[in-house]
Amino acid sequence: MRCEFLCDAIILRYALSPWVISWKDEQWIDENENEVPKKLRECDRFIELVVSEAAPRLNHLRWLINQIEDMHVAAESLNYAEYYDASRLSHHVIERMTPPQRTITEMSAALSHLEGLAPDLFVRLMTAKTGCSMAGQA
């Protein structure tokens, strides 16, 4: 997958930590670098990871990553290594990849230790788990 900044890669590493076996990220260089300002080229990260057998399915991982604020590029570009080409799925497609409640509950339990590190992810998981909106709550 690809993400826009090093700090995004760090947040993703934490968010996927229960399932990651190996992780490699490096500066991502676009082949069309003349079309992209140098400052932006230096920000993007290319991430290659291996997840355990216990990890949620690919579409569920896409959905999970999309629950983190401003991680749509990573969610939309995540793919199996043999199919990865840096292209992105439509945001609307990702939004329809909501896992079953059982899977959301399992992901929430696996990520409960991250509540203080990624509160937006945790709140969105709890909202999805309960099926109710937490908007407006303090």
C-alpha atoms as a PDB file:
ATOM      1  CA  MET A   1       0.000   0.000   0.000  1.00  0.00           C
ATOM      2  CA  ARG A   2       0.954   3.610  -0.184  1.00  0.00           C
ATOM      3  CA  CYS A   3       0.472   6.391   2.329  1.00  0.00           C
ATOM      4  CA  GLU A   4       1.133  10.087   2.194  1.00  0.00           C
ATOM      5  CA  PHE A   5       3.512  10.698   5.113  1.00  0.00           C
ATOM      6  CA  LEU A   6       5.935   8.909   7.409  1.00  0.00           C
ATOM      7  CA  CYS A   7       3.674   9.696  10.378  1.00  0.00           C
ATOM      8  CA  ASP A   8       0.840   7.897   8.535  1.00  0.00           C
ATOM      9  CA  ALA A   9       3.057   4.835   8.154  1.00  0.00           C
ATOM     10  CA  ILE A  10       3.759   4.875  11.885  1.00  0.00           C
ATOM     11  CA  ILE A  11       0.054   5.124  12.741  1.00  0.00           C
ATOM     12  CA  LEU A  12      -0.742   2.310  10.314  1.00  0.00           C
ATOM     13  CA  ARG A  13       1.948   0.136  11.866  1.00  0.00           C
ATOM     14  CA  TYR A  14       0.310   0.580  15.272  1.00  0.00           C
ATOM     15  CA  ALA A  15      -3.200   0.044  13.910  1.00  0.00           C
ATOM     16  CA  LEU A  16      -2.241  -3.214  12.196  1.00  0.00           C
ATOM     17  CA  SER A  17       0.153  -4.367  14.932  1.00  0.00           C
ATOM     18  CA  PRO A  18      -1.907  -7.324  16.170  1.00  0.00           C
ATOM     19  CA  TRP A  19      -1.581  -9.024  12.783  1.00  0.00           C
ATOM     20  CA  VAL A  20       1.727  -7.827  11.270  1.00  0.00           C
ATOM     21  CA  ILE A  21       4.479 -10.421  10.912  1.00  0.00           C
ATOM     22  CA  SER A  22       6.828  -8.221   8.902  1.00  0.00           C
ATOM     23  CA  TRP A  23       6.770  -4.558   7.880  1.00  0.00           C
ATOM     24  CA  LYS A  24       8.858  -2.564   5.453  1.00  0.00           C
ATOM     25  CA  ASP A  25       8.267   1.014   4.462  1.00  0.00           C
ATOM     26  CA  GLU A  26      10.323   3.299   2.340  1.00  0.00           C
ATOM     27  CA  GLN A  27      10.062   6.536   0.455  1.00  0.00           C
ATOM     28  CA  TRP A  28       7.794   6.050  -2.541  1.00  0.00           C
ATOM     29  CA  ILE A  29       9.027   7.484  -5.821  1.00  0.00           C
ATOM     30  CA  ASP A  30       6.467   7.955  -8.561  1.00  0.00           C
ATOM     31  CA  GLU A  31       7.657   6.973 -12.022  1.00  0.00           C
ATOM     32  CA  ASN A  32       6.011  10.185 -13.250  1.00  0.00           C
ATOM     33  CA  GLU A  33       8.046  12.262 -10.815  1.00  0.00           C
ATOM     34  CA  ASN A  34       8.249  15.216 -13.192  1.00  0.00           C
ATOM     35  CA  GLU A  35       4.483  15.634 -12.812  1.00  0.00           C
ATOM     36  CA  VAL A  36       4.622  15.694  -9.008  1.00  0.00           C
ATOM     37  CA  PRO A  37       6.295  18.508  -7.035  1.00  0.00           C
ATOM     38  CA  LYS A  38       9.500  17.292  -5.350  1.00  0.00           C
ATOM     39  CA  LYS A  39       8.256  18.200  -1.864  1.00  0.00           C
ATOM     40  CA  LEU A  40       5.243  15.886  -2.281  1.00  0.00           C
ATOM     41  CA  ARG A  41       7.312  13.061  -3.779  1.00  0.00           C
ATOM     42  CA  GLU A  42       9.486  13.029  -0.687  1.00  0.00           C
ATOM     43  CA  CYS A  43       6.498  12.560   1.620  1.00  0.00           C
ATOM     44  CA  ASP A  44       4.837   9.472   0.131  1.00  0.00           C
ATOM     45  CA  ARG A  45       5.646   6.086   1.641  1.00  0.00           C
ATOM     46  CA  PHE A  46       5.458   2.644   0.071  1.00  0.00           C
ATOM     47  CA  ILE A  47       4.580  -0.063   2.582  1.00  0.00           C
ATOM     48  CA  GLU A  48       5.033  -3.784   2.161  1.00  0.00           C
ATOM     49  CA  LEU A  49       3.704  -5.998   4.928  1.00  0.00           C
ATOM     50  CA  VAL A  50       2.987  -9.600   5.751  1.00  0.00           C
ATOM     51  CA  VAL A  51       0.093 -10.372   8.065  1.00  0.00           C
ATOM     52  CA  SER A  52      -0.674 -13.472  10.109  1.00  0.00           C
ATOM     53  CA  GLU A  53      -3.307 -16.058   9.311  1.00  0.00           C
ATOM     54  CA  ALA A  54      -5.413 -14.493  12.090  1.00  0.00           C
ATOM     55  CA  ALA A  55      -5.601 -11.135  10.282  1.00  0.00           C
ATOM     56  CA  PRO A  56      -8.921  -9.899   8.958  1.00  0.00           C
ATOM     57  CA  ARG A  57      -9.529 -10.391   5.235  1.00  0.00           C
ATOM     58  CA  LEU A  58      -8.107  -7.872   2.774  1.00  0.00           C
ATOM     59  CA  ASN A  59     -11.369  -5.950   2.323  1.00  0.00           C
ATOM     60  CA  HIS A  60     -11.857  -5.812   6.081  1.00  0.00           C
ATOM     61  CA  LEU A  61      -8.335  -4.443   6.527  1.00  0.00           C
ATOM     62  CA  ARG A  62      -9.126  -1.835   3.869  1.00  0.00           C
ATOM     63  CA  TRP A  63     -12.266  -0.894   5.799  1.00  0.00           C
ATOM     64  CA  LEU A  64     -10.338  -0.769   9.080  1.00  0.00           C
ATOM     65  CA  ILE A  65      -7.618   1.479   7.672  1.00  0.00           C
ATOM     66  CA  ASN A  66     -10.296   3.742   6.196  1.00  0.00           C
ATOM     67  CA  GLN A  67     -11.672   4.277   9.719  1.00  0.00           C
ATOM     68  CA  ILE A  68      -8.510   6.177  10.614  1.00  0.00           C
ATOM     69  CA  GLU A  69      -8.736   9.862   9.817  1.00  0.00           C
ATOM     70  CA  ASP A  70      -6.984  10.809   6.547  1.00  0.00           C
ATOM     71  CA  MET A  71      -5.860   7.249   5.731  1.00  0.00           C
ATOM     72  CA  HIS A  72      -7.953   6.892   2.583  1.00  0.00           C
ATOM     73  CA  VAL A  73      -4.879   6.635   0.322  1.00  0.00           C
ATOM     74  CA  ALA A  74      -3.590   3.633   2.295  1.00  0.00           C
ATOM     75  CA  ALA A  75      -7.027   1.996   2.405  1.00  0.00           C
ATOM     76  CA  GLU A  76      -7.609   2.537  -1.302  1.00  0.00           C
ATOM     77  CA  SER A  77      -4.148   1.322  -2.372  1.00  0.00           C
ATOM     78  CA  LEU A  78      -3.845  -1.768  -0.126  1.00  0.00           C
ATOM     79  CA  ASN A  79      -3.674  -4.903  -2.223  1.00  0.00           C
ATOM     80  CA  TYR A  80      -2.091  -8.328  -2.445  1.00  0.00           C
ATOM     81  CA  ALA A  81       1.547  -8.114  -3.582  1.00  0.00           C
ATOM     82  CA  GLU A  82       0.894  -9.884  -6.877  1.00  0.00           C
ATOM     83  CA  TYR A  83      -1.853  -7.399  -7.780  1.00  0.00           C
ATOM     84  CA  TYR A  84      -0.322  -4.228  -6.378  1.00  0.00           C
ATOM     85  CA  ASP A  85       0.241  -1.502  -8.979  1.00  0.00           C
ATOM     86  CA  ALA A  86      -0.132   1.652  -6.802  1.00  0.00           C
ATOM     87  CA  SER A  87      -3.584   2.308  -8.208  1.00  0.00           C
ATOM     88  CA  ARG A  88      -6.396   3.154  -5.814  1.00  0.00           C
ATOM     89  CA  LEU A  89      -9.893   1.803  -5.421  1.00  0.00           C
ATOM     90  CA  SER A  90     -12.775   4.239  -5.331  1.00  0.00           C
ATOM     91  CA  HIS A  91     -13.534   5.637  -1.887  1.00  0.00           C
ATOM     92  CA  HIS A  92     -17.159   4.574  -2.375  1.00  0.00           C
ATOM     93  CA  VAL A  93     -16.065   0.962  -2.861  1.00  0.00           C
ATOM     94  CA  ILE A  94     -14.062   1.010   0.394  1.00  0.00           C
ATOM     95  CA  GLU A  95     -17.051   2.395   2.307  1.00  0.00           C
ATOM     96  CA  ARG A  96     -19.097  -0.659   1.278  1.00  0.00           C
ATOM     97  CA  MET A  97     -16.545  -3.125   2.689  1.00  0.00           C
ATOM     98  CA  THR A  98     -17.960  -3.044   6.216  1.00  0.00           C
ATOM     99  CA  PRO A  99     -17.127  -6.338   7.925  1.00  0.00           C
ATOM    100  CA  PRO A 100     -19.727  -8.422   9.747  1.00  0.00           C
ATOM    101  CA  GLN A 101     -20.350  -7.415  13.368  1.00  0.00           C
ATOM    102  CA  ARG A 102     -18.421 -10.435  14.641  1.00  0.00           C
ATOM    103  CA  THR A 103     -15.318  -9.323  12.721  1.00  0.00           C
ATOM    104  CA  ILE A 104     -15.672  -5.736  13.963  1.00  0.00           C
ATOM    105  CA  THR A 105     -15.939  -7.026  17.531  1.00  0.00           C
ATOM    106  CA  GLU A 106     -12.804  -9.163  17.040  1.00  0.00           C
ATOM    107  CA  MET A 107     -10.879  -6.229  15.549  1.00  0.00           C
ATOM    108  CA  SER A 108     -12.025  -3.967  18.401  1.00  0.00           C
ATOM    109  CA  ALA A 109     -10.796  -6.447  20.989  1.00  0.00           C
ATOM    110  CA  ALA A 110      -7.456  -6.867  19.200  1.00  0.00           C
ATOM    111  CA  LEU A 111      -6.998  -3.091  19.026  1.00  0.00           C
ATOM    112  CA  SER A 112      -8.271  -2.101  22.475  1.00  0.00           C
ATOM    113  CA  HIS A 113      -4.702  -1.337  23.607  1.00  0.00           C
ATOM    114  CA  LEU A 114      -4.554   1.458  21.012  1.00  0.00           C
ATOM    115  CA  GLU A 115      -7.347   3.568  22.470  1.00  0.00           C
ATOM    116  CA  GLY A 116      -4.923   6.251  23.688  1.00  0.00           C
ATOM    117  CA  LEU A 117      -2.733   6.185  20.568  1.00  0.00           C
ATOM    118  CA  ALA A 118      -5.422   6.247  17.881  1.00  0.00           C
ATOM    119  CA  PRO A 119      -8.608   7.509  19.541  1.00  0.00           C
ATOM    120  CA  ASP A 120     -10.378   8.263  16.248  1.00  0.00           C
ATOM    121  CA  LEU A 121      -9.890   4.661  15.109  1.00  0.00           C
ATOM    122  CA  PHE A 122     -11.085   3.313  18.432  1.00  0.00           C
ATOM    123  CA  VAL A 123     -14.211   5.533  18.461  1.00  0.00           C
ATOM    124  CA  ARG A 124     -15.077   4.536  14.891  1.00  0.00           C
ATOM    125  CA  LEU A 125     -14.659   0.858  15.730  1.00  0.00           C
ATOM    126  CA  MET A 126     -16.854   1.208  18.799  1.00  0.00           C
ATOM    127  CA  THR A 127     -19.449   3.049  16.716  1.00  0.00           C
ATOM    128  CA  ALA A 128     -19.419   0.336  14.067  1.00  0.00           C
ATOM    129  CA  LYS A 129     -19.515  -2.368  16.728  1.00  0.00           C
ATOM    130  CA  THR A 130     -22.565  -0.936  18.460  1.00  0.00           C
ATOM    131  CA  GLY A 131     -24.212   0.207  15.252  1.00  0.00           C
ATOM    132  CA  CYS A 132     -24.984   3.635  16.695  1.00  0.00           C
ATOM    133  CA  SER A 133     -23.666   7.096  16.003  1.00  0.00           C
ATOM    134  CA  MET A 134     -21.404   8.636  18.605  1.00  0.00           C
ATOM    135  CA  ALA A 135     -21.533  12.053  16.956  1.00  0.00           C
ATOM    136  CA  GLY A 136     -22.147  14.849  19.413  1.00  0.00           C
ATOM    137  CA  GLN A 137     -20.943  12.858  22.426  1.00  0.00           C
ATOM    138  CA  ALA A 138     -18.147  14.288  24.522  1.00  0.00           C
END
